[in-house]
Amino acid sequence: MTHRSIAAAVGLVLLPLAASAQTHQPSPGPYAGLETREIKALSAEQLAELRDGRGMGLALAAELNGYPGPAHVLELAGPLGLSPAQRADIARLVEAMKAEAKAVGAKLIAAEAALDRQFATRSVTEASLRAGVQAIATEQAALRAGHLKYHLATVAVLSPEQIAHYDVLRGYTGGATGSVPKTHRH
């Protein structure tokens, strides 16, 4: 065996040993980097959605069961054949929904910030924790109920044919929307 082949063999044996002898650095956890958030429990995207009054998927129970969302209906006004009166009614629903969602979203952000502050300042107690979580839950429920009620109100403006066409336009034709809600007025 030549010196080169001996050196190569020794290197192959020692390489794994050298690698395992290096100091093992733990990999960052799944929350690494989140500690710099303004409010730890809310991402920048979630804050923007709450401030803008967006739906955030809170009304999927309605949307996917034949109760269209007013903002989406307004976006599809042409293909749905909305009359001028329907378009005006839906536009009013969108504005009211956004205003309500922004107001409730601001309360939810404030409640999340208050809980975050309690932990950051180490002032949290079992009682304040319960109260803080309850305040958050109340605002989350109000936000979801608000979005859902505007889906319900939208159905009252549309005909069954428009609702069925909405489902087709949104790609829900294979879903569970087999029947159109009976609360329409057309």
N, C-alpha and C. Protein backbone atom coordinates (compact mmCIF):
# COMPACT_ATOMS: atom_id res chain seq x y z
N MET A 1 0.83 -1.16 0.00
CA MET A 1 0.00 0.00 0.00
C MET A 1 0.89 1.24 0.00
N THR A 2 0.54 2.21 -0.79
CA THR A 2 1.33 3.42 -0.86
C THR A 2 0.94 4.36 0.25
N HIS A 3 1.78 5.35 0.42
CA HIS A 3 1.48 6.35 1.47
C HIS A 3 0.16 7.07 1.18
N ARG A 4 -0.08 7.29 -0.11
CA ARG A 4 -1.34 7.98 -0.47
C ARG A 4 -2.56 7.14 -0.11
N SER A 5 -2.53 5.88 -0.42
CA SER A 5 -3.69 5.05 -0.13
C SER A 5 -3.87 4.85 1.37
N ILE A 6 -2.77 4.81 2.11
CA ILE A 6 -2.87 4.72 3.57
C ILE A 6 -3.49 6.01 4.12
N ALA A 7 -3.06 7.13 3.62
CA ALA A 7 -3.59 8.41 4.08
C ALA A 7 -5.08 8.52 3.73
N ALA A 8 -5.46 8.07 2.55
CA ALA A 8 -6.87 8.11 2.15
C ALA A 8 -7.71 7.22 3.04
N ALA A 9 -7.21 6.03 3.35
CA ALA A 9 -7.95 5.11 4.22
C ALA A 9 -8.11 5.68 5.61
N VAL A 10 -7.03 6.25 6.14
CA VAL A 10 -7.10 6.86 7.48
C VAL A 10 -8.08 8.02 7.46
N GLY A 11 -8.06 8.82 6.39
CA GLY A 11 -8.98 9.96 6.27
C GLY A 11 -10.42 9.51 6.25
N LEU A 12 -10.72 8.42 5.55
CA LEU A 12 -12.08 7.91 5.50
C LEU A 12 -12.56 7.42 6.86
N VAL A 13 -11.65 6.89 7.65
CA VAL A 13 -12.00 6.42 8.98
C VAL A 13 -12.18 7.60 9.93
N LEU A 14 -11.29 8.59 9.84
CA LEU A 14 -11.32 9.70 10.79
C LEU A 14 -12.38 10.76 10.46
N LEU A 15 -12.80 10.86 9.21
CA LEU A 15 -13.77 11.89 8.81
C LEU A 15 -15.07 11.81 9.61
N PRO A 16 -15.72 10.65 9.70
CA PRO A 16 -16.95 10.60 10.50
C PRO A 16 -16.70 10.90 11.98
N LEU A 17 -15.54 10.49 12.49
CA LEU A 17 -15.24 10.78 13.89
C LEU A 17 -15.07 12.28 14.12
N ALA A 18 -14.41 12.94 13.19
CA ALA A 18 -14.22 14.40 13.31
C ALA A 18 -15.56 15.11 13.22
N ALA A 19 -16.42 14.64 12.34
CA ALA A 19 -17.74 15.29 12.19
C ALA A 19 -18.56 15.14 13.45
N SER A 20 -18.52 13.97 14.07
CA SER A 20 -19.32 13.77 15.27
C SER A 20 -18.72 14.48 16.47
N ALA A 21 -17.44 14.80 16.42
CA ALA A 21 -16.79 15.48 17.54
C ALA A 21 -17.09 16.97 17.54
N GLN A 22 -17.58 17.50 16.40
CA GLN A 22 -17.90 18.93 16.37
C GLN A 22 -19.03 19.22 17.34
N THR A 23 -19.05 20.44 17.84
CA THR A 23 -20.12 20.83 18.76
C THR A 23 -21.44 20.82 18.01
N HIS A 24 -22.40 20.14 18.56
CA HIS A 24 -23.71 20.05 17.91
C HIS A 24 -24.53 21.30 18.28
N GLN A 25 -24.90 22.05 17.26
CA GLN A 25 -25.75 23.23 17.45
C GLN A 25 -27.20 22.80 17.27
N PRO A 26 -28.05 23.06 18.24
CA PRO A 26 -29.45 22.69 18.07
C PRO A 26 -30.07 23.49 16.93
N SER A 27 -30.93 22.82 16.20
CA SER A 27 -31.61 23.54 15.12
C SER A 27 -32.66 24.45 15.73
N PRO A 28 -32.93 25.56 15.07
CA PRO A 28 -33.92 26.49 15.65
C PRO A 28 -35.30 25.82 15.72
N GLY A 29 -36.04 26.17 16.75
CA GLY A 29 -37.38 25.63 16.92
C GLY A 29 -38.35 26.24 15.93
N PRO A 30 -39.55 25.71 15.88
CA PRO A 30 -40.53 26.19 14.90
C PRO A 30 -40.97 27.64 15.14
N TYR A 31 -40.71 28.19 16.31
CA TYR A 31 -41.13 29.55 16.61
C TYR A 31 -39.98 30.55 16.55
N ALA A 32 -38.79 30.08 16.15
CA ALA A 32 -37.62 30.97 16.08
C ALA A 32 -37.94 32.13 15.14
N GLY A 33 -37.67 33.32 15.60
CA GLY A 33 -37.94 34.53 14.83
C GLY A 33 -39.26 35.19 15.17
N LEU A 34 -40.18 34.42 15.75
CA LEU A 34 -41.49 34.99 16.08
C LEU A 34 -41.43 35.88 17.32
N GLU A 35 -40.35 35.75 18.09
CA GLU A 35 -40.23 36.55 19.31
C GLU A 35 -40.11 38.04 19.01
N THR A 36 -39.88 38.40 17.76
CA THR A 36 -39.75 39.82 17.40
C THR A 36 -41.08 40.42 16.94
N ARG A 37 -42.12 39.62 16.89
CA ARG A 37 -43.42 40.13 16.46
C ARG A 37 -43.93 41.20 17.40
N GLU A 38 -44.70 42.13 16.84
CA GLU A 38 -45.35 43.17 17.63
C GLU A 38 -46.24 42.54 18.70
N ILE A 39 -47.12 41.62 18.28
CA ILE A 39 -47.96 40.83 19.18
C ILE A 39 -47.63 39.39 18.85
N LYS A 40 -47.10 38.67 19.79
CA LYS A 40 -46.52 37.35 19.52
C LYS A 40 -47.49 36.38 18.86
N ALA A 41 -48.77 36.42 19.22
CA ALA A 41 -49.74 35.45 18.72
C ALA A 41 -50.28 35.80 17.34
N LEU A 42 -49.95 36.98 16.80
CA LEU A 42 -50.49 37.41 15.51
C LEU A 42 -49.36 37.74 14.53
N SER A 43 -49.43 37.17 13.35
CA SER A 43 -48.45 37.48 12.31
C SER A 43 -48.77 38.85 11.71
N ALA A 44 -47.84 39.38 10.96
CA ALA A 44 -48.07 40.67 10.28
C ALA A 44 -49.25 40.55 9.32
N GLU A 45 -49.36 39.40 8.66
CA GLU A 45 -50.48 39.18 7.74
C GLU A 45 -51.82 39.15 8.49
N GLN A 46 -51.86 38.47 9.62
CA GLN A 46 -53.09 38.42 10.41
C GLN A 46 -53.47 39.82 10.91
N LEU A 47 -52.49 40.59 11.36
CA LEU A 47 -52.77 41.97 11.80
C LEU A 47 -53.35 42.78 10.65
N ALA A 48 -52.77 42.66 9.47
CA ALA A 48 -53.26 43.41 8.30
C ALA A 48 -54.69 42.98 7.95
N GLU A 49 -54.96 41.69 7.99
CA GLU A 49 -56.31 41.20 7.68
C GLU A 49 -57.33 41.71 8.69
N LEU A 50 -56.97 41.71 9.97
CA LEU A 50 -57.88 42.22 11.00
C LEU A 50 -58.11 43.72 10.83
N ARG A 51 -57.05 44.45 10.55
CA ARG A 51 -57.18 45.91 10.37
C ARG A 51 -57.98 46.28 9.12
N ASP A 52 -57.89 45.43 8.09
CA ASP A 52 -58.59 45.69 6.83
C ASP A 52 -60.01 45.13 6.80
N GLY A 53 -60.39 44.37 7.81
CA GLY A 53 -61.74 43.81 7.86
C GLY A 53 -61.95 42.64 6.89
N ARG A 54 -60.87 41.94 6.55
CA ARG A 54 -60.98 40.81 5.62
C ARG A 54 -61.54 39.57 6.32
N GLY A 55 -62.03 38.64 5.51
CA GLY A 55 -62.73 37.46 6.02
C GLY A 55 -61.90 36.41 6.68
N MET A 56 -60.66 36.20 6.25
CA MET A 56 -59.73 35.25 6.85
C MET A 56 -60.28 33.83 6.95
N GLY A 57 -61.23 33.47 6.09
CA GLY A 57 -61.79 32.12 6.13
C GLY A 57 -62.76 31.88 7.26
N LEU A 58 -63.17 32.94 7.95
CA LEU A 58 -64.05 32.77 9.11
C LEU A 58 -65.48 32.37 8.73
N ALA A 59 -65.85 32.55 7.46
CA ALA A 59 -67.22 32.25 7.05
C ALA A 59 -67.30 31.06 6.12
N LEU A 60 -66.33 30.15 6.20
CA LEU A 60 -66.34 28.99 5.31
C LEU A 60 -67.59 28.12 5.49
N ALA A 61 -68.11 28.05 6.70
CA ALA A 61 -69.33 27.26 6.92
C ALA A 61 -70.45 27.78 6.04
N ALA A 62 -70.53 29.07 5.87
CA ALA A 62 -71.55 29.66 5.00
C ALA A 62 -71.14 29.55 3.53
N GLU A 63 -69.97 30.01 3.22
CA GLU A 63 -69.48 30.06 1.84
C GLU A 63 -69.57 28.72 1.14
N LEU A 64 -69.21 27.67 1.81
CA LEU A 64 -69.16 26.35 1.17
C LEU A 64 -70.46 25.57 1.29
N ASN A 65 -71.48 26.21 1.84
CA ASN A 65 -72.79 25.58 1.95
C ASN A 65 -73.88 26.41 1.29
N GLY A 66 -73.51 27.18 0.27
CA GLY A 66 -74.51 27.88 -0.53
C GLY A 66 -74.90 29.26 -0.03
N TYR A 67 -74.11 29.86 0.83
CA TYR A 67 -74.36 31.21 1.32
C TYR A 67 -73.20 32.10 0.87
N PRO A 68 -73.31 32.70 -0.31
CA PRO A 68 -72.18 33.48 -0.86
C PRO A 68 -71.79 34.67 0.00
N GLY A 69 -70.52 35.01 -0.09
CA GLY A 69 -70.02 36.18 0.61
C GLY A 69 -70.25 37.43 -0.22
N PRO A 70 -70.64 38.52 0.43
CA PRO A 70 -70.97 39.73 -0.33
C PRO A 70 -69.81 40.30 -1.13
N ALA A 71 -68.60 40.25 -0.61
CA ALA A 71 -67.46 40.79 -1.35
C ALA A 71 -67.22 39.99 -2.62
N HIS A 72 -67.32 38.67 -2.53
CA HIS A 72 -67.12 37.83 -3.71
C HIS A 72 -68.27 38.02 -4.70
N VAL A 73 -69.48 38.19 -4.22
CA VAL A 73 -70.62 38.43 -5.11
C VAL A 73 -70.40 39.73 -5.87
N LEU A 74 -69.94 40.75 -5.17
CA LEU A 74 -69.69 42.03 -5.83
C LEU A 74 -68.61 41.89 -6.91
N GLU A 75 -67.56 41.11 -6.61
CA GLU A 75 -66.51 40.86 -7.61
C GLU A 75 -67.07 40.16 -8.85
N LEU A 76 -68.09 39.33 -8.66
CA LEU A 76 -68.69 38.56 -9.76
C LEU A 76 -70.02 39.14 -10.23
N ALA A 77 -70.25 40.42 -9.96
CA ALA A 77 -71.53 41.06 -10.28
C ALA A 77 -71.91 40.87 -11.74
N GLY A 78 -70.97 41.06 -12.66
CA GLY A 78 -71.25 40.91 -14.09
C GLY A 78 -71.68 39.50 -14.45
N PRO A 79 -70.83 38.51 -14.20
CA PRO A 79 -71.21 37.13 -14.55
C PRO A 79 -72.48 36.64 -13.83
N LEU A 80 -72.74 37.18 -12.65
CA LEU A 80 -73.95 36.77 -11.92
C LEU A 80 -75.20 37.50 -12.42
N GLY A 81 -75.00 38.54 -13.23
CA GLY A 81 -76.14 39.29 -13.75
C GLY A 81 -76.87 40.07 -12.67
N LEU A 82 -76.14 40.65 -11.75
CA LEU A 82 -76.80 41.44 -10.70
C LEU A 82 -77.50 42.64 -11.32
N SER A 83 -78.69 42.90 -10.84
CA SER A 83 -79.41 44.10 -11.25
C SER A 83 -78.77 45.30 -10.55
N PRO A 84 -79.05 46.52 -11.02
CA PRO A 84 -78.50 47.69 -10.31
C PRO A 84 -78.93 47.72 -8.83
N ALA A 85 -80.15 47.33 -8.54
CA ALA A 85 -80.62 47.32 -7.15
C ALA A 85 -79.85 46.27 -6.34
N GLN A 86 -79.65 45.09 -6.92
CA GLN A 86 -78.89 44.06 -6.22
C GLN A 86 -77.45 44.51 -5.99
N ARG A 87 -76.86 45.10 -7.00
CA ARG A 87 -75.48 45.57 -6.88
C ARG A 87 -75.37 46.60 -5.74
N ALA A 88 -76.33 47.50 -5.65
CA ALA A 88 -76.33 48.52 -4.59
C ALA A 88 -76.52 47.87 -3.22
N ASP A 89 -77.43 46.90 -3.13
CA ASP A 89 -77.66 46.20 -1.86
C ASP A 89 -76.40 45.46 -1.41
N ILE A 90 -75.77 44.77 -2.34
CA ILE A 90 -74.56 44.00 -2.01
C ILE A 90 -73.43 44.95 -1.63
N ALA A 91 -73.30 46.06 -2.34
CA ALA A 91 -72.25 47.04 -2.01
C ALA A 91 -72.44 47.58 -0.59
N ARG A 92 -73.69 47.82 -0.21
CA ARG A 92 -73.97 48.27 1.17
C ARG A 92 -73.59 47.19 2.18
N LEU A 93 -73.88 45.94 1.86
CA LEU A 93 -73.51 44.85 2.75
C LEU A 93 -71.99 44.76 2.91
N VAL A 94 -71.27 44.91 1.81
CA VAL A 94 -69.80 44.84 1.87
C VAL A 94 -69.27 45.96 2.76
N GLU A 95 -69.77 47.17 2.56
CA GLU A 95 -69.29 48.30 3.37
C GLU A 95 -69.61 48.11 4.85
N ALA A 96 -70.82 47.66 5.14
CA ALA A 96 -71.20 47.43 6.53
C ALA A 96 -70.36 46.31 7.15
N MET A 97 -70.15 45.25 6.38
CA MET A 97 -69.35 44.12 6.88
C MET A 97 -67.93 44.56 7.18
N LYS A 98 -67.32 45.31 6.27
CA LYS A 98 -65.94 45.77 6.48
C LYS A 98 -65.85 46.69 7.69
N ALA A 99 -66.80 47.61 7.82
CA ALA A 99 -66.78 48.53 8.96
C ALA A 99 -66.89 47.77 10.27
N GLU A 100 -67.83 46.83 10.32
CA GLU A 100 -68.01 46.04 11.54
C GLU A 100 -66.77 45.19 11.81
N ALA A 101 -66.25 44.54 10.78
CA ALA A 101 -65.08 43.67 10.96
C ALA A 101 -63.85 44.46 11.39
N LYS A 102 -63.68 45.66 10.86
CA LYS A 102 -62.54 46.49 11.27
C LYS A 102 -62.65 46.87 12.75
N ALA A 103 -63.86 47.24 13.17
CA ALA A 103 -64.06 47.64 14.57
C ALA A 103 -63.81 46.46 15.51
N VAL A 104 -64.35 45.30 15.18
CA VAL A 104 -64.15 44.12 16.02
C VAL A 104 -62.70 43.67 15.93
N GLY A 105 -62.12 43.76 14.73
CA GLY A 105 -60.71 43.40 14.56
C GLY A 105 -59.80 44.23 15.45
N ALA A 106 -60.10 45.52 15.56
CA ALA A 106 -59.31 46.40 16.43
C ALA A 106 -59.42 45.97 17.89
N LYS A 107 -60.62 45.56 18.30
CA LYS A 107 -60.81 45.07 19.68
C LYS A 107 -60.05 43.77 19.90
N LEU A 108 -60.06 42.90 18.89
CA LEU A 108 -59.34 41.63 19.00
C LEU A 108 -57.83 41.88 19.10
N ILE A 109 -57.33 42.78 18.28
CA ILE A 109 -55.90 43.12 18.34
C ILE A 109 -55.55 43.67 19.72
N ALA A 110 -56.40 44.54 20.25
CA ALA A 110 -56.15 45.11 21.58
C ALA A 110 -56.16 44.03 22.66
N ALA A 111 -57.08 43.09 22.56
CA ALA A 111 -57.15 42.01 23.55
C ALA A 111 -55.91 41.12 23.46
N GLU A 112 -55.47 40.81 22.24
CA GLU A 112 -54.25 40.01 22.07
C GLU A 112 -53.03 40.77 22.60
N ALA A 113 -52.98 42.07 22.35
CA ALA A 113 -51.85 42.89 22.83
C ALA A 113 -51.83 42.93 24.35
N ALA A 114 -53.00 43.02 24.97
CA ALA A 114 -53.06 43.06 26.43
C ALA A 114 -52.55 41.75 27.03
N LEU A 115 -52.94 40.63 26.45
CA LEU A 115 -52.45 39.34 26.96
C LEU A 115 -50.94 39.22 26.74
N ASP A 116 -50.50 39.64 25.57
CA ASP A 116 -49.06 39.60 25.26
C ASP A 116 -48.28 40.44 26.28
N ARG A 117 -48.79 41.63 26.58
CA ARG A 117 -48.12 42.51 27.55
C ARG A 117 -48.02 41.87 28.92
N GLN A 118 -49.08 41.17 29.33
CA GLN A 118 -49.04 40.51 30.64
C GLN A 118 -47.90 39.50 30.72
N PHE A 119 -47.71 38.75 29.65
CA PHE A 119 -46.62 37.78 29.65
C PHE A 119 -45.27 38.49 29.55
N ALA A 120 -45.19 39.52 28.71
CA ALA A 120 -43.92 40.24 28.52
C ALA A 120 -43.45 40.91 29.80
N THR A 121 -44.40 41.40 30.59
CA THR A 121 -44.05 42.10 31.83
C THR A 121 -44.05 41.16 33.04
N ARG A 122 -44.33 39.90 32.80
CA ARG A 122 -44.37 38.90 33.87
C ARG A 122 -45.41 39.25 34.93
N SER A 123 -46.50 39.90 34.51
CA SER A 123 -47.55 40.27 35.45
C SER A 123 -48.78 39.36 35.35
N VAL A 124 -48.71 38.36 34.51
CA VAL A 124 -49.86 37.49 34.29
C VAL A 124 -50.11 36.62 35.53
N THR A 125 -51.38 36.49 35.86
CA THR A 125 -51.82 35.60 36.94
C THR A 125 -52.83 34.64 36.35
N GLU A 126 -53.20 33.66 37.10
CA GLU A 126 -54.21 32.73 36.59
C GLU A 126 -55.52 33.44 36.29
N ALA A 127 -55.92 34.35 37.15
CA ALA A 127 -57.17 35.09 36.93
C ALA A 127 -57.07 36.03 35.73
N SER A 128 -55.94 36.74 35.60
CA SER A 128 -55.81 37.66 34.46
C SER A 128 -55.67 36.89 33.15
N LEU A 129 -55.07 35.71 33.23
CA LEU A 129 -54.97 34.85 32.05
C LEU A 129 -56.36 34.44 31.58
N ARG A 130 -57.19 33.97 32.50
CA ARG A 130 -58.55 33.57 32.15
C ARG A 130 -59.32 34.74 31.55
N ALA A 131 -59.21 35.90 32.17
CA ALA A 131 -59.92 37.08 31.68
C ALA A 131 -59.40 37.50 30.30
N GLY A 132 -58.11 37.44 30.11
CA GLY A 132 -57.52 37.82 28.83
C GLY A 132 -57.93 36.89 27.71
N VAL A 133 -57.90 35.60 27.98
CA VAL A 133 -58.29 34.62 26.97
C VAL A 133 -59.78 34.74 26.67
N GLN A 134 -60.59 35.00 27.68
CA GLN A 134 -62.03 35.18 27.47
C GLN A 134 -62.30 36.41 26.62
N ALA A 135 -61.57 37.50 26.86
CA ALA A 135 -61.74 38.72 26.05
C ALA A 135 -61.40 38.44 24.59
N ILE A 136 -60.33 37.68 24.36
CA ILE A 136 -59.94 37.32 22.99
C ILE A 136 -61.02 36.46 22.35
N ALA A 137 -61.50 35.46 23.08
CA ALA A 137 -62.52 34.56 22.55
C ALA A 137 -63.81 35.30 22.21
N THR A 138 -64.18 36.26 23.05
CA THR A 138 -65.38 37.05 22.79
C THR A 138 -65.25 37.82 21.48
N GLU A 139 -64.10 38.43 21.25
CA GLU A 139 -63.90 39.20 20.02
C GLU A 139 -63.79 38.29 18.81
N GLN A 140 -63.15 37.13 18.96
CA GLN A 140 -63.08 36.17 17.86
C GLN A 140 -64.48 35.70 17.47
N ALA A 141 -65.31 35.43 18.46
CA ALA A 141 -66.68 34.99 18.19
C ALA A 141 -67.48 36.10 17.50
N ALA A 142 -67.32 37.32 17.97
CA ALA A 142 -68.03 38.46 17.35
C ALA A 142 -67.58 38.66 15.91
N LEU A 143 -66.30 38.51 15.66
CA LEU A 143 -65.77 38.67 14.30
C LEU A 143 -66.33 37.59 13.37
N ARG A 144 -66.33 36.36 13.82
CA ARG A 144 -66.84 35.28 12.99
C ARG A 144 -68.34 35.42 12.76
N ALA A 145 -69.09 35.70 13.80
CA ALA A 145 -70.54 35.87 13.67
C ALA A 145 -70.85 37.02 12.71
N GLY A 146 -70.06 38.09 12.81
CA GLY A 146 -70.27 39.21 11.90
C GLY A 146 -70.09 38.81 10.45
N HIS A 147 -69.02 38.13 10.13
CA HIS A 147 -68.80 37.69 8.75
C HIS A 147 -69.91 36.75 8.30
N LEU A 148 -70.29 35.81 9.15
CA LEU A 148 -71.34 34.86 8.78
C LEU A 148 -72.68 35.54 8.54
N LYS A 149 -73.01 36.53 9.35
CA LYS A 149 -74.32 37.17 9.18
C LYS A 149 -74.42 37.91 7.84
N TYR A 150 -73.30 38.38 7.32
CA TYR A 150 -73.35 39.05 6.02
C TYR A 150 -73.48 38.06 4.87
N HIS A 151 -73.01 36.84 5.07
CA HIS A 151 -73.28 35.80 4.07
C HIS A 151 -74.78 35.49 4.07
N LEU A 152 -75.36 35.41 5.25
CA LEU A 152 -76.80 35.16 5.37
C LEU A 152 -77.60 36.28 4.71
N ALA A 153 -77.19 37.51 4.95
CA ALA A 153 -77.88 38.65 4.35
C ALA A 153 -77.73 38.68 2.83
N THR A 154 -76.62 38.21 2.33
CA THR A 154 -76.39 38.18 0.88
C THR A 154 -77.37 37.26 0.18
N VAL A 155 -77.66 36.12 0.80
CA VAL A 155 -78.60 35.17 0.21
C VAL A 155 -79.97 35.81 0.01
N ALA A 156 -80.35 36.71 0.90
CA ALA A 156 -81.65 37.38 0.79
C ALA A 156 -81.72 38.31 -0.41
N VAL A 157 -80.59 38.67 -0.98
CA VAL A 157 -80.55 39.59 -2.12
C VAL A 157 -80.52 38.83 -3.46
N LEU A 158 -80.04 37.61 -3.44
CA LEU A 158 -79.83 36.85 -4.67
C LEU A 158 -80.96 35.88 -4.96
N SER A 159 -81.11 35.53 -6.23
CA SER A 159 -82.06 34.49 -6.63
C SER A 159 -81.39 33.13 -6.46
N PRO A 160 -82.18 32.07 -6.38
CA PRO A 160 -81.58 30.73 -6.30
C PRO A 160 -80.67 30.44 -7.51
N GLU A 161 -81.04 30.93 -8.65
CA GLU A 161 -80.22 30.71 -9.85
C GLU A 161 -78.87 31.44 -9.73
N GLN A 162 -78.89 32.63 -9.18
CA GLN A 162 -77.63 33.36 -8.99
C GLN A 162 -76.74 32.66 -7.97
N ILE A 163 -77.33 32.13 -6.94
CA ILE A 163 -76.56 31.40 -5.93
C ILE A 163 -75.94 30.16 -6.55
N ALA A 164 -76.72 29.42 -7.33
CA ALA A 164 -76.21 28.21 -8.00
C ALA A 164 -75.08 28.60 -8.97
N HIS A 165 -75.26 29.69 -9.70
CA HIS A 165 -74.23 30.14 -10.64
C HIS A 165 -72.97 30.61 -9.90
N TYR A 166 -73.16 31.25 -8.77
CA TYR A 166 -72.03 31.67 -7.92
C TYR A 166 -71.19 30.44 -7.55
N ASP A 167 -71.87 29.38 -7.12
CA ASP A 167 -71.16 28.16 -6.73
C ASP A 167 -70.34 27.61 -7.90
N VAL A 168 -70.90 27.67 -9.10
CA VAL A 168 -70.18 27.21 -10.29
C VAL A 168 -68.97 28.11 -10.54
N LEU A 169 -69.18 29.43 -10.49
CA LEU A 169 -68.10 30.38 -10.74
C LEU A 169 -66.97 30.24 -9.73
N ARG A 170 -67.30 29.91 -8.51
CA ARG A 170 -66.30 29.77 -7.45
C ARG A 170 -65.69 28.37 -7.40
N GLY A 171 -66.21 27.46 -8.24
CA GLY A 171 -65.65 26.11 -8.30
C GLY A 171 -66.18 25.16 -7.25
N TYR A 172 -67.36 25.43 -6.71
CA TYR A 172 -67.92 24.59 -5.66
C TYR A 172 -68.91 23.56 -6.19
N THR A 173 -69.00 23.38 -7.47
CA THR A 173 -70.05 22.52 -8.03
C THR A 173 -69.98 21.08 -7.57
N GLY A 174 -68.81 20.59 -7.19
CA GLY A 174 -68.70 19.22 -6.73
C GLY A 174 -68.85 19.09 -5.23
N GLY A 175 -69.13 20.19 -4.55
CA GLY A 175 -69.16 20.17 -3.09
C GLY A 175 -70.52 19.86 -2.51
N ALA A 176 -70.70 20.27 -1.26
CA ALA A 176 -71.90 19.96 -0.49
C ALA A 176 -72.98 21.01 -0.63
N THR A 177 -72.89 21.86 -1.65
CA THR A 177 -73.86 22.96 -1.78
C THR A 177 -75.07 22.54 -2.58
N GLY A 178 -75.41 21.26 -2.57
CA GLY A 178 -76.45 20.71 -3.39
C GLY A 178 -77.77 21.44 -3.35
N SER A 179 -78.10 22.14 -2.28
CA SER A 179 -79.36 22.86 -2.25
C SER A 179 -79.10 24.33 -1.97
N VAL A 180 -79.96 25.13 -2.54
CA VAL A 180 -79.86 26.57 -2.35
C VAL A 180 -80.67 26.94 -1.11
N PRO A 181 -80.12 27.75 -0.23
CA PRO A 181 -80.87 28.16 0.97
C PRO A 181 -82.23 28.75 0.59
N LYS A 182 -83.20 28.53 1.43
CA LYS A 182 -84.58 28.96 1.15
C LYS A 182 -84.89 30.37 1.68
N THR A 183 -83.87 31.10 2.11
CA THR A 183 -84.13 32.41 2.71
C THR A 183 -84.01 33.55 1.70
N HIS A 184 -84.03 33.25 0.41
CA HIS A 184 -83.93 34.31 -0.59
C HIS A 184 -85.27 35.01 -0.73
N ARG A 185 -85.27 36.19 -1.34
CA ARG A 185 -86.53 36.90 -1.51
C ARG A 185 -86.95 36.99 -2.97
N HIS A 186 -86.23 36.39 -3.88
CA HIS A 186 -86.60 36.45 -5.30
C HIS A 186 -87.32 35.21 -5.72
